[in-house]
Protein backbone atom coordinates (compact mmCIF):
# COMPACT_ATOMS: atom_id res chain seq x y z
CA UNK A 1 -78.59 50.30 107.02
CA UNK A 2 -76.22 52.79 105.97
CA UNK A 3 -77.15 54.96 102.27
CA UNK A 4 -75.25 54.99 99.37
CA UNK A 5 -75.40 58.78 98.31
CA UNK A 6 -74.49 59.76 94.70
CA UNK A 7 -73.53 63.38 95.37
CA UNK A 8 -72.58 65.11 92.29
CA UNK A 9 -72.27 68.20 90.31
CA UNK A 10 -73.65 68.50 86.78
CA UNK A 11 -74.71 70.75 83.96
CA UNK A 12 -78.46 71.74 83.19
CA UNK A 13 -78.31 69.17 80.46
CA UNK A 14 -76.96 66.74 82.70
CA UNK A 15 -73.47 66.13 82.02
CA UNK A 16 -70.94 65.82 84.78
CA UNK A 17 -67.93 67.27 82.74
CA UNK A 18 -67.01 67.47 79.19
CA UNK A 19 -66.29 64.30 77.14
CA UNK A 20 -62.98 63.87 78.98
CA UNK A 21 -64.65 64.53 82.65
CA UNK A 22 -63.07 67.72 82.93
CA UNK A 23 -65.84 69.73 85.03
CA UNK A 24 -63.54 72.89 85.70
CA UNK A 25 -66.14 74.88 83.91
CA UNK A 26 -68.52 74.65 86.92
CA UNK A 27 -65.54 76.04 89.38
CA UNK A 28 -66.75 79.65 88.87
CA UNK A 29 -70.23 78.81 90.70
CA UNK A 30 -68.74 77.83 94.04
CA UNK A 31 -68.98 81.38 95.13
CA UNK A 32 -69.31 82.54 98.76
CA UNK A 33 -72.92 81.48 99.28
CA UNK A 34 -72.28 78.12 97.96
CA UNK A 35 -69.16 77.84 99.89
CA UNK A 36 -71.01 78.64 102.99
CA UNK A 37 -73.55 75.90 101.97
CA UNK A 38 -71.02 73.14 101.44
CA UNK A 39 -69.38 73.95 104.88
CA UNK A 40 -72.44 74.05 106.76
CA UNK A 41 -74.14 70.84 105.10
CA UNK A 42 -71.74 68.81 103.18
CA UNK A 43 -67.91 69.78 104.60
CA UNK A 44 -66.67 66.29 103.98
CA UNK A 45 -67.39 66.12 100.02
CA UNK A 46 -64.66 69.05 99.82
CA UNK A 47 -61.26 67.32 99.18
CA UNK A 48 -58.91 67.67 102.06
CA UNK A 49 -56.66 70.07 100.54
CA UNK A 50 -59.71 72.33 99.76
CA UNK A 51 -60.61 72.26 103.34
CA UNK A 52 -57.56 73.33 104.61
CA UNK A 53 -57.17 76.20 101.82
CA UNK A 54 -60.79 77.42 102.76
CA UNK A 55 -59.91 77.10 106.48
CA UNK A 56 -62.69 74.51 107.34
CA UNK A 57 -60.15 71.34 107.65
CA UNK A 58 -61.51 71.25 111.47
CA UNK A 59 -65.33 70.91 110.50
CA UNK A 60 -66.59 67.45 111.68
CA UNK A 61 -68.22 65.07 108.87
CA UNK A 62 -71.76 65.79 109.06
CA UNK A 63 -73.27 63.22 106.38
CA UNK A 64 -70.63 60.80 105.60
CA UNK A 65 -67.58 58.97 106.84
CA UNK A 66 -66.67 56.85 103.70
CA UNK A 67 -65.98 57.94 99.90
CA UNK A 68 -66.07 55.57 97.06
CA UNK A 69 -64.53 57.00 93.90
CA UNK A 70 -63.55 55.47 90.32
CA UNK A 71 -60.38 55.45 89.02
CA UNK A 72 -60.69 58.56 86.75
CA UNK A 73 -61.88 60.83 89.62
CA UNK A 74 -58.99 59.42 91.75
CA UNK A 75 -56.53 60.00 88.87
CA UNK A 76 -57.54 63.76 88.91
CA UNK A 77 -56.17 63.93 92.50
CA UNK A 78 -52.80 61.76 91.57
CA UNK A 79 -52.14 64.42 89.03
CA UNK A 80 -51.86 67.04 91.86
CA UNK A 81 -49.72 64.62 93.83
CA UNK A 82 -52.17 64.03 96.08
CA UNK A 83 -52.51 60.17 97.01
CA UNK A 84 -55.19 60.61 99.79
CA UNK A 85 -57.49 63.33 98.58
CA UNK A 86 -60.32 62.64 101.09
CA UNK A 87 -57.83 62.03 104.40
CA UNK A 88 -60.93 62.69 106.88
CA UNK A 89 -63.06 59.80 105.26
CA UNK A 90 -62.41 56.11 104.69
CA UNK A 91 -61.31 55.88 101.12
CA UNK A 92 -62.25 53.39 98.49
CA UNK A 93 -61.39 53.68 94.89
CA UNK A 94 -62.85 51.07 92.22
CA UNK A 95 -60.22 50.17 89.51
CA UNK A 96 -59.49 46.88 87.74
CA UNK A 97 -56.27 48.54 86.48
CA UNK A 98 -54.76 50.06 89.53
CA UNK A 99 -52.91 47.09 90.92
CA UNK A 100 -51.70 48.96 94.39
CA UNK A 101 -52.63 51.78 96.24
CA UNK A 102 -50.13 54.73 96.56
CA UNK A 103 -51.49 55.23 99.92
CA UNK A 104 -52.23 53.32 103.07
CA UNK A 105 -55.20 55.44 103.55
CA UNK A 106 -56.79 54.38 100.35
CA UNK A 107 -58.14 50.70 99.64
CA UNK A 108 -58.22 49.62 95.94
CA UNK A 109 -61.44 47.49 95.19
CA UNK A 110 -60.54 45.68 91.86
CA UNK A 111 -62.98 43.03 92.07
CA UNK A 112 -66.10 42.19 94.02
CA UNK A 113 -66.97 45.99 94.32
CA UNK A 114 -70.96 45.00 94.59
CA UNK A 115 -69.90 43.09 97.69
CA UNK A 116 -67.67 45.86 99.22
CA UNK A 117 -70.37 48.51 98.73
CA UNK A 118 -73.18 46.13 100.24
CA UNK A 119 -70.67 45.05 103.05
CA UNK A 120 -70.07 49.07 103.91
CA UNK A 121 -73.86 49.48 103.70
CA UNK A 122 -74.55 46.79 106.35
CA UNK A 123 -71.85 48.05 108.71
CA UNK A 124 -73.27 50.00 112.05
CA UNK A 125 -72.78 53.49 111.88
CA UNK A 126 -74.60 57.05 112.03
CA UNK A 127 -72.90 58.36 108.77
CA UNK A 128 -73.51 57.35 104.99
CA UNK A 129 -71.64 56.80 102.26
CA UNK A 130 -70.28 59.22 99.52
CA UNK A 131 -70.59 57.93 95.94
CA UNK A 132 -68.00 61.02 94.66
CA UNK A 133 -67.95 59.55 90.95
CA UNK A 134 -67.78 58.68 87.99
CA UNK A 135 -70.36 58.25 85.68
CA UNK A 136 -69.28 54.48 84.87
CA UNK A 137 -68.95 53.66 88.67
CA UNK A 138 -72.56 55.47 89.15
CA UNK A 139 -73.78 53.15 86.43
CA UNK A 140 -72.02 50.07 87.88
CA UNK A 141 -73.68 51.01 91.42
CA UNK A 142 -76.92 52.33 90.19
CA UNK A 143 -79.00 49.75 91.84
CA UNK A 144 -77.29 50.11 95.30
CA UNK A 145 -77.85 53.99 95.27
CA UNK A 146 -80.32 55.02 97.75
CA UNK A 147 -80.02 58.86 97.31
CA UNK A 148 -79.15 61.45 94.87
CA UNK A 149 -77.97 64.81 95.87
CA UNK A 150 -77.44 66.79 92.53
CA UNK A 151 -75.86 70.16 92.20
CA UNK A 152 -77.31 71.75 89.00
CA UNK A 153 -75.16 74.56 87.65
CA UNK A 154 -76.61 77.05 85.08
CA UNK A 155 -74.38 75.84 82.31
CA UNK A 156 -74.97 73.68 79.12
CA UNK A 157 -72.13 71.29 77.74
CA UNK A 158 -73.96 70.18 74.87
CA UNK A 159 -72.04 67.10 75.10
CA UNK A 160 -69.90 65.42 77.71
CA UNK A 161 -69.93 62.72 80.52
CA UNK A 162 -73.09 61.76 81.50
CA UNK A 163 -74.36 61.08 85.01
CA UNK A 164 -74.75 57.62 84.47
CA UNK A 165 -72.43 55.81 81.95
CA UNK A 166 -74.26 52.46 81.73
CA UNK A 167 -77.81 50.93 80.81
CA UNK A 168 -79.78 51.43 84.00
CA UNK A 169 -83.34 49.97 84.26
CA UNK A 170 -85.95 52.92 84.85
CA UNK A 171 -85.80 53.94 88.47
CA UNK A 172 -88.35 56.05 90.58
CA UNK A 173 -86.80 58.75 93.32
CA UNK A 174 -88.70 61.16 95.16
CA UNK A 175 -87.88 64.87 95.41
CA UNK A 176 -86.66 65.98 98.61
CA UNK A 177 -84.87 69.31 99.64
CA UNK A 178 -84.66 71.65 96.91
CA UNK A 179 -81.99 74.61 97.76
CA UNK A 180 -81.40 77.66 95.04
CA UNK A 181 -78.53 80.15 94.88
CA UNK A 182 -78.09 83.54 93.83
CA UNK A 183 -75.59 82.38 91.07
CA UNK A 184 -78.43 79.98 89.45
CA UNK A 185 -77.15 76.96 90.93
CA UNK A 186 -79.65 74.36 92.56
CA UNK A 187 -79.15 71.55 94.94
CA UNK A 188 -81.84 69.03 94.88
CA UNK A 189 -81.98 65.79 96.87
CA UNK A 190 -83.77 62.65 95.82
CA UNK A 191 -84.61 59.35 97.86
CA UNK A 192 -85.17 56.19 95.76
CA UNK A 193 -88.65 54.98 95.85
CA UNK A 194 -88.20 51.21 96.90
């Protein structure tokens, strides 16, 4: 069974962006040390344009072969004219309002999202599924999330978009790896206690 991993950046106070979802205040923490970590551990989580700009588009996927993102996350790429932001992965966008995909490489899932995720998890394969965001989608899929990889940056928003924008039942997760960086960022991995 493949895992669904919610791999997300957040502030110390648990927000993944400001009230509009803008997370650009976190970008300065992607320094050389942090970028080296991304290249060695999670290269496929960097959008294709970013991989090309940083010179590591040739790196193989290490953990994920599929990405699921919400409409608001996908809109950020569309605003930049990028209709296939993760061209190196199978791409799914959860949206009840986007009728047709602007790219043949991106599948829109309007209805039956839970069934789609369960089918993806049941597929054979050595790599897992990257839940890219956003908070409403993570809340909707909360019970299907097997792992959290939380990149916490040393900033406080005070208010903003939470990691999960839904009423979720209390669920336990076991702490796995913890990695800290010179700039104050910390990456923690948690596996769901089932």
